[in-house]
Amino acid sequence: MAAFSTTLHLVVSRQPQPGPWAWELAGQLLAVGGSLQHEQWQLAMAVARSDAWFLHDRP
């Protein structure tokens, strides 16, 4: 994990399985990354398939 001003970069070794775990994580990421422009279901699909996430919460 790295944090720079309003950005957060996360690298994971184990993605959540598609389904409830990915849905819950997507909701948490949406709460932290207020500038995300995706629906929760889209983000849930993305986090289950990728191992690096970049969040930016613009003021």
N, C-alpha and C. Protein backbone atom coordinates (compact mmCIF):
# COMPACT_ATOMS: atom_id res chain seq x y z
N MET A 1 0.85 -1.16 0.00
CA MET A 1 0.00 0.00 0.00
C MET A 1 0.90 1.23 0.00
N ALA A 2 0.47 2.23 -0.75
CA ALA A 2 1.17 3.51 -0.76
C ALA A 2 0.12 4.62 -0.80
N ALA A 3 0.37 5.69 -0.07
CA ALA A 3 -0.55 6.81 -0.04
C ALA A 3 0.19 8.08 -0.43
N PHE A 4 -0.39 8.84 -1.34
CA PHE A 4 0.17 10.09 -1.80
C PHE A 4 -0.95 11.11 -1.86
N SER A 5 -0.94 12.06 -0.97
CA SER A 5 -1.94 13.14 -0.96
C SER A 5 -3.35 12.56 -0.98
N THR A 6 -4.04 12.64 -2.10
CA THR A 6 -5.42 12.13 -2.18
C THR A 6 -5.52 10.79 -2.90
N THR A 7 -4.41 10.09 -3.07
CA THR A 7 -4.42 8.80 -3.78
C THR A 7 -3.98 7.67 -2.87
N LEU A 8 -4.48 6.50 -3.17
CA LEU A 8 -4.13 5.29 -2.44
C LEU A 8 -3.91 4.19 -3.46
N HIS A 9 -2.75 3.55 -3.39
CA HIS A 9 -2.40 2.47 -4.33
C HIS A 9 -2.27 1.19 -3.52
N LEU A 10 -3.06 0.18 -3.86
CA LEU A 10 -3.06 -1.09 -3.15
C LEU A 10 -2.65 -2.21 -4.10
N VAL A 11 -1.79 -3.08 -3.63
CA VAL A 11 -1.42 -4.28 -4.38
C VAL A 11 -1.79 -5.46 -3.49
N VAL A 12 -2.53 -6.41 -4.04
CA VAL A 12 -3.01 -7.54 -3.25
C VAL A 12 -2.48 -8.85 -3.80
N SER A 13 -2.33 -9.82 -2.92
CA SER A 13 -1.87 -11.13 -3.36
C SER A 13 -3.03 -12.12 -3.49
N ARG A 14 -4.19 -11.75 -2.96
CA ARG A 14 -5.36 -12.63 -3.03
C ARG A 14 -6.60 -11.77 -3.29
N GLN A 15 -7.12 -11.83 -4.48
CA GLN A 15 -8.33 -11.09 -4.80
C GLN A 15 -9.54 -11.81 -4.18
N PRO A 16 -10.62 -11.05 -3.92
CA PRO A 16 -11.83 -11.72 -3.43
C PRO A 16 -12.46 -12.56 -4.54
N GLN A 17 -13.13 -13.61 -4.16
CA GLN A 17 -13.87 -14.41 -5.12
C GLN A 17 -15.07 -13.60 -5.62
N PRO A 18 -15.47 -13.77 -6.87
CA PRO A 18 -16.68 -13.10 -7.34
C PRO A 18 -17.85 -13.48 -6.45
N GLY A 19 -18.72 -12.54 -6.19
CA GLY A 19 -19.87 -12.80 -5.33
C GLY A 19 -19.88 -11.87 -4.14
N PRO A 20 -20.38 -12.35 -3.00
CA PRO A 20 -20.56 -11.48 -1.83
C PRO A 20 -19.28 -10.79 -1.34
N TRP A 21 -18.14 -11.49 -1.36
CA TRP A 21 -16.90 -10.86 -0.88
C TRP A 21 -16.48 -9.71 -1.78
N ALA A 22 -16.56 -9.91 -3.08
CA ALA A 22 -16.20 -8.85 -4.02
C ALA A 22 -17.18 -7.69 -3.93
N TRP A 23 -18.46 -8.00 -3.74
CA TRP A 23 -19.49 -6.96 -3.60
C TRP A 23 -19.22 -6.10 -2.36
N GLU A 24 -18.91 -6.75 -1.26
CA GLU A 24 -18.64 -6.02 -0.01
C GLU A 24 -17.40 -5.14 -0.16
N LEU A 25 -16.33 -5.70 -0.73
CA LEU A 25 -15.11 -4.92 -0.93
C LEU A 25 -15.37 -3.74 -1.86
N ALA A 26 -16.13 -3.95 -2.91
CA ALA A 26 -16.45 -2.86 -3.84
C ALA A 26 -17.17 -1.72 -3.11
N GLY A 27 -18.08 -2.06 -2.23
CA GLY A 27 -18.77 -1.04 -1.44
C GLY A 27 -17.82 -0.27 -0.56
N GLN A 28 -16.87 -0.96 0.05
CA GLN A 28 -15.89 -0.29 0.90
C GLN A 28 -14.98 0.61 0.08
N LEU A 29 -14.56 0.14 -1.09
CA LEU A 29 -13.71 0.97 -1.95
C LEU A 29 -14.45 2.20 -2.46
N LEU A 30 -15.74 2.06 -2.75
CA LEU A 30 -16.54 3.21 -3.17
C LEU A 30 -16.65 4.23 -2.05
N ALA A 31 -16.72 3.77 -0.81
CA ALA A 31 -16.80 4.69 0.32
C ALA A 31 -15.50 5.47 0.51
N VAL A 32 -14.36 4.83 0.23
CA VAL A 32 -13.06 5.47 0.40
C VAL A 32 -12.70 6.31 -0.82
N GLY A 33 -12.90 5.75 -2.01
CA GLY A 33 -12.54 6.44 -3.26
C GLY A 33 -13.74 7.17 -3.81
N GLY A 34 -14.05 8.30 -3.24
CA GLY A 34 -15.26 9.04 -3.60
C GLY A 34 -15.32 9.50 -5.05
N SER A 35 -14.21 9.47 -5.76
CA SER A 35 -14.20 9.92 -7.15
C SER A 35 -14.39 8.77 -8.14
N LEU A 36 -14.63 7.56 -7.66
CA LEU A 36 -14.85 6.44 -8.58
C LEU A 36 -16.12 6.66 -9.38
N GLN A 37 -16.06 6.39 -10.66
CA GLN A 37 -17.17 6.65 -11.58
C GLN A 37 -17.87 5.37 -12.02
N HIS A 38 -17.81 4.31 -11.21
CA HIS A 38 -18.39 3.03 -11.61
C HIS A 38 -19.50 2.62 -10.66
N GLU A 39 -20.36 1.76 -11.14
CA GLU A 39 -21.38 1.16 -10.30
C GLU A 39 -20.71 0.10 -9.42
N GLN A 40 -21.33 -0.23 -8.30
CA GLN A 40 -20.73 -1.19 -7.39
C GLN A 40 -20.53 -2.56 -8.05
N TRP A 41 -21.46 -2.98 -8.88
CA TRP A 41 -21.32 -4.30 -9.53
C TRP A 41 -20.13 -4.32 -10.48
N GLN A 42 -19.87 -3.18 -11.17
CA GLN A 42 -18.73 -3.11 -12.08
C GLN A 42 -17.41 -3.19 -11.29
N LEU A 43 -17.37 -2.48 -10.19
CA LEU A 43 -16.18 -2.50 -9.36
C LEU A 43 -15.98 -3.88 -8.74
N ALA A 44 -17.04 -4.55 -8.33
CA ALA A 44 -16.94 -5.90 -7.77
C ALA A 44 -16.33 -6.86 -8.78
N MET A 45 -16.72 -6.74 -10.03
CA MET A 45 -16.14 -7.60 -11.07
C MET A 45 -14.66 -7.28 -11.26
N ALA A 46 -14.31 -6.00 -11.22
CA ALA A 46 -12.92 -5.60 -11.45
C ALA A 46 -12.00 -6.05 -10.32
N VAL A 47 -12.42 -5.91 -9.07
CA VAL A 47 -11.52 -6.28 -7.96
C VAL A 47 -11.30 -7.78 -7.89
N ALA A 48 -12.26 -8.56 -8.38
CA ALA A 48 -12.11 -10.01 -8.38
C ALA A 48 -11.13 -10.48 -9.47
N ARG A 49 -10.80 -9.59 -10.40
CA ARG A 49 -9.96 -9.97 -11.54
C ARG A 49 -8.59 -9.29 -11.55
N SER A 50 -8.35 -8.33 -10.67
CA SER A 50 -7.09 -7.59 -10.73
C SER A 50 -6.35 -7.66 -9.40
N ASP A 51 -5.06 -7.40 -9.45
CA ASP A 51 -4.26 -7.48 -8.24
C ASP A 51 -3.65 -6.14 -7.83
N ALA A 52 -4.03 -5.07 -8.50
CA ALA A 52 -3.57 -3.73 -8.12
C ALA A 52 -4.73 -2.76 -8.28
N TRP A 53 -4.97 -1.98 -7.24
CA TRP A 53 -6.09 -1.03 -7.26
C TRP A 53 -5.55 0.35 -6.93
N PHE A 54 -6.04 1.34 -7.64
CA PHE A 54 -5.62 2.72 -7.47
C PHE A 54 -6.86 3.54 -7.18
N LEU A 55 -6.91 4.16 -6.01
CA LEU A 55 -8.05 4.98 -5.63
C LEU A 55 -7.64 6.43 -5.54
N HIS A 56 -8.51 7.30 -6.00
CA HIS A 56 -8.24 8.73 -5.93
C HIS A 56 -9.51 9.40 -5.45
N ASP A 57 -9.40 10.14 -4.35
CA ASP A 57 -10.55 10.88 -3.82
C ASP A 57 -10.27 12.36 -4.01
N ARG A 58 -10.78 12.88 -5.10
CA ARG A 58 -10.54 14.30 -5.42
C ARG A 58 -11.39 15.18 -4.52
N PRO A 59 -10.80 16.27 -4.05
CA PRO A 59 -11.58 17.20 -3.20
C PRO A 59 -12.66 17.92 -3.98
